[in-house]
Amino acid sequence: MKLKKILIATLTIVPTVALISASCGNTQNLDALKDFISKTKLSDILDGAEQVDSPKKAEDLEEGKKQVSNKAV
């Protein structure tokens, strides 16, 4: 019974650790985004963005439109 519990715990933990280490290793796009945000004024980022209470899904927006939610998501 103890071996069965250890096996179940191992099968749960190993994929989780593998997923976390794989996702943490690839941050090129995140680093580029952080760099872009630090070099760009907030007013330039929000230029042309519509402020709404409940934003539409990205696929429902017209091409080139931006929305910013007034509420935390």
N, C-alpha and C. Protein backbone atom coordinates (compact mmCIF):
# COMPACT_ATOMS: atom_id res chain seq x y z
N MET A 1 0.82 -1.19 0.00
CA MET A 1 0.00 0.00 0.00
C MET A 1 0.87 1.26 0.00
N LYS A 2 1.95 1.23 0.78
CA LYS A 2 2.84 2.38 0.84
C LYS A 2 3.51 2.60 -0.52
N LEU A 3 3.89 1.53 -1.19
CA LEU A 3 4.51 1.64 -2.50
C LEU A 3 3.54 2.24 -3.52
N LYS A 4 2.28 1.87 -3.41
CA LYS A 4 1.26 2.39 -4.32
C LYS A 4 1.11 3.90 -4.14
N LYS A 5 1.11 4.38 -2.89
CA LYS A 5 1.00 5.81 -2.62
C LYS A 5 2.21 6.57 -3.15
N ILE A 6 3.38 5.99 -2.98
CA ILE A 6 4.60 6.62 -3.48
C ILE A 6 4.57 6.71 -5.00
N LEU A 7 4.12 5.64 -5.65
CA LEU A 7 4.03 5.64 -7.11
C LEU A 7 3.04 6.70 -7.60
N ILE A 8 1.89 6.81 -6.96
CA ILE A 8 0.90 7.82 -7.35
C ILE A 8 1.46 9.23 -7.15
N ALA A 9 2.13 9.45 -6.03
CA ALA A 9 2.73 10.76 -5.77
C ALA A 9 3.79 11.09 -6.80
N THR A 10 4.60 10.11 -7.16
CA THR A 10 5.65 10.32 -8.17
C THR A 10 5.04 10.64 -9.52
N LEU A 11 3.98 9.92 -9.89
CA LEU A 11 3.34 10.17 -11.18
C LEU A 11 2.67 11.54 -11.23
N THR A 12 2.36 12.09 -10.08
CA THR A 12 1.76 13.42 -10.03
C THR A 12 2.82 14.51 -10.04
N ILE A 13 3.88 14.32 -9.29
CA ILE A 13 4.90 15.35 -9.11
C ILE A 13 5.82 15.49 -10.33
N VAL A 14 6.25 14.40 -10.92
CA VAL A 14 7.23 14.46 -12.01
C VAL A 14 6.71 15.26 -13.21
N PRO A 15 5.49 15.02 -13.71
CA PRO A 15 5.03 15.85 -14.83
C PRO A 15 4.89 17.33 -14.48
N THR A 16 4.50 17.62 -13.24
CA THR A 16 4.37 19.01 -12.81
C THR A 16 5.71 19.71 -12.81
N VAL A 17 6.73 19.07 -12.28
CA VAL A 17 8.08 19.64 -12.25
C VAL A 17 8.61 19.82 -13.67
N ALA A 18 8.36 18.85 -14.53
CA ALA A 18 8.82 18.94 -15.92
C ALA A 18 8.14 20.11 -16.63
N LEU A 19 6.86 20.30 -16.40
CA LEU A 19 6.12 21.39 -17.03
C LEU A 19 6.62 22.74 -16.54
N ILE A 20 6.85 22.86 -15.25
CA ILE A 20 7.33 24.12 -14.69
C ILE A 20 8.72 24.46 -15.22
N SER A 21 9.61 23.49 -15.25
CA SER A 21 10.97 23.77 -15.72
C SER A 21 10.99 24.07 -17.21
N ALA A 22 10.12 23.44 -17.99
CA ALA A 22 10.06 23.72 -19.42
C ALA A 22 9.50 25.11 -19.69
N SER A 23 8.50 25.52 -18.93
CA SER A 23 7.90 26.84 -19.16
C SER A 23 8.79 27.96 -18.65
N CYS A 24 9.59 27.71 -17.64
CA CYS A 24 10.47 28.75 -17.11
C CYS A 24 11.71 28.95 -17.98
N GLY A 25 12.08 27.94 -18.73
CA GLY A 25 13.29 28.03 -19.53
C GLY A 25 13.14 28.89 -20.77
N ASN A 26 11.95 29.04 -21.31
CA ASN A 26 11.75 29.75 -22.56
C ASN A 26 11.06 31.08 -22.29
N THR A 27 11.85 32.13 -22.05
CA THR A 27 11.27 33.44 -21.72
C THR A 27 11.70 34.52 -22.69
N GLN A 28 12.06 34.16 -23.90
CA GLN A 28 12.54 35.16 -24.86
C GLN A 28 11.45 36.19 -25.16
N ASN A 29 10.23 35.74 -25.40
CA ASN A 29 9.15 36.68 -25.70
C ASN A 29 8.80 37.53 -24.48
N LEU A 30 8.85 36.93 -23.30
CA LEU A 30 8.57 37.69 -22.08
C LEU A 30 9.64 38.75 -21.85
N ASP A 31 10.90 38.40 -22.08
CA ASP A 31 11.98 39.37 -21.93
C ASP A 31 11.83 40.51 -22.93
N ALA A 32 11.44 40.19 -24.16
CA ALA A 32 11.23 41.23 -25.17
C ALA A 32 10.07 42.13 -24.78
N LEU A 33 9.00 41.55 -24.22
CA LEU A 33 7.85 42.34 -23.79
C LEU A 33 8.24 43.27 -22.64
N LYS A 34 8.99 42.76 -21.66
CA LYS A 34 9.45 43.59 -20.55
C LYS A 34 10.30 44.75 -21.06
N ASP A 35 11.18 44.47 -22.02
CA ASP A 35 12.04 45.49 -22.59
C ASP A 35 11.21 46.55 -23.32
N PHE A 36 10.22 46.09 -24.10
CA PHE A 36 9.34 47.01 -24.83
C PHE A 36 8.58 47.91 -23.87
N ILE A 37 8.03 47.33 -22.81
CA ILE A 37 7.24 48.11 -21.85
C ILE A 37 8.10 49.13 -21.12
N SER A 38 9.32 48.74 -20.77
CA SER A 38 10.19 49.67 -20.04
C SER A 38 10.64 50.84 -20.91
N LYS A 39 10.70 50.65 -22.23
CA LYS A 39 11.17 51.71 -23.13
C LYS A 39 10.04 52.53 -23.74
N THR A 40 8.78 52.12 -23.54
CA THR A 40 7.65 52.78 -24.18
C THR A 40 6.79 53.48 -23.14
N LYS A 41 6.34 54.69 -23.47
CA LYS A 41 5.45 55.42 -22.57
C LYS A 41 4.10 54.72 -22.50
N LEU A 42 3.46 54.78 -21.35
CA LEU A 42 2.14 54.17 -21.17
C LEU A 42 1.12 54.81 -22.11
N SER A 43 1.23 56.10 -22.31
CA SER A 43 0.28 56.78 -23.20
C SER A 43 0.40 56.27 -24.63
N ASP A 44 1.62 55.91 -25.06
CA ASP A 44 1.80 55.35 -26.41
C ASP A 44 1.22 53.95 -26.51
N ILE A 45 1.35 53.17 -25.44
CA ILE A 45 0.80 51.80 -25.45
C ILE A 45 -0.72 51.85 -25.49
N LEU A 46 -1.31 52.78 -24.74
CA LEU A 46 -2.77 52.87 -24.65
C LEU A 46 -3.39 53.73 -25.75
N ASP A 47 -2.58 54.29 -26.63
CA ASP A 47 -3.10 55.14 -27.70
C ASP A 47 -4.07 54.36 -28.58
N GLY A 48 -5.30 54.85 -28.69
CA GLY A 48 -6.30 54.20 -29.52
C GLY A 48 -7.04 53.06 -28.84
N ALA A 49 -6.74 52.82 -27.56
CA ALA A 49 -7.41 51.73 -26.84
C ALA A 49 -8.72 52.25 -26.24
N GLU A 50 -9.73 51.42 -26.32
CA GLU A 50 -11.04 51.75 -25.75
C GLU A 50 -11.12 51.18 -24.34
N GLN A 51 -11.49 52.02 -23.36
CA GLN A 51 -11.63 51.54 -21.99
C GLN A 51 -13.05 51.04 -21.78
N VAL A 52 -13.17 49.77 -21.36
CA VAL A 52 -14.49 49.14 -21.19
C VAL A 52 -14.54 48.42 -19.85
N ASP A 53 -15.77 48.16 -19.37
CA ASP A 53 -15.93 47.41 -18.12
C ASP A 53 -15.78 45.91 -18.34
N SER A 54 -16.31 45.42 -19.44
CA SER A 54 -16.17 43.98 -19.73
C SER A 54 -15.68 43.83 -21.17
N PRO A 55 -14.40 43.51 -21.33
CA PRO A 55 -13.82 43.43 -22.68
C PRO A 55 -14.34 42.25 -23.48
N LYS A 56 -14.35 42.43 -24.80
CA LYS A 56 -14.74 41.36 -25.71
C LYS A 56 -13.57 40.39 -25.85
N LYS A 57 -13.86 39.20 -26.35
CA LYS A 57 -12.80 38.25 -26.64
C LYS A 57 -11.97 38.80 -27.80
N ALA A 58 -10.71 38.42 -27.87
CA ALA A 58 -9.82 38.92 -28.92
C ALA A 58 -10.35 38.61 -30.31
N GLU A 59 -10.94 37.43 -30.49
CA GLU A 59 -11.44 37.06 -31.82
C GLU A 59 -12.70 37.83 -32.21
N ASP A 60 -13.38 38.48 -31.24
CA ASP A 60 -14.58 39.26 -31.54
C ASP A 60 -14.28 40.73 -31.87
N LEU A 61 -13.04 41.15 -31.61
CA LEU A 61 -12.66 42.54 -31.90
C LEU A 61 -12.36 42.72 -33.38
N GLU A 62 -12.62 43.94 -33.86
CA GLU A 62 -12.23 44.26 -35.23
C GLU A 62 -10.70 44.30 -35.30
N GLU A 63 -10.16 44.03 -36.45
CA GLU A 63 -8.70 44.01 -36.62
C GLU A 63 -8.12 45.39 -36.31
N GLY A 64 -7.08 45.41 -35.50
CA GLY A 64 -6.41 46.65 -35.14
C GLY A 64 -7.00 47.38 -33.95
N LYS A 65 -8.12 46.92 -33.41
CA LYS A 65 -8.75 47.56 -32.25
C LYS A 65 -8.12 47.04 -30.96
N LYS A 66 -8.06 47.92 -29.96
CA LYS A 66 -7.53 47.53 -28.65
C LYS A 66 -8.55 47.88 -27.59
N GLN A 67 -8.64 47.05 -26.56
CA GLN A 67 -9.51 47.33 -25.42
C GLN A 67 -8.72 47.15 -24.13
N VAL A 68 -9.05 47.98 -23.15
CA VAL A 68 -8.45 47.90 -21.83
C VAL A 68 -9.60 47.80 -20.83
N SER A 69 -9.53 46.81 -19.96
CA SER A 69 -10.58 46.61 -18.96
C SER A 69 -10.37 47.56 -17.79
N ASN A 70 -11.45 48.15 -17.32
CA ASN A 70 -11.39 49.00 -16.13
C ASN A 70 -11.29 48.17 -14.85
N LYS A 71 -11.69 46.90 -14.92
CA LYS A 71 -11.66 46.00 -13.77
C LYS A 71 -10.47 45.06 -13.89
N ALA A 72 -9.98 44.60 -12.76
CA ALA A 72 -8.93 43.58 -12.77
C ALA A 72 -9.53 42.27 -13.24
N VAL A 73 -8.79 41.58 -14.06
CA VAL A 73 -9.29 40.31 -14.61
C VAL A 73 -8.85 39.17 -13.74
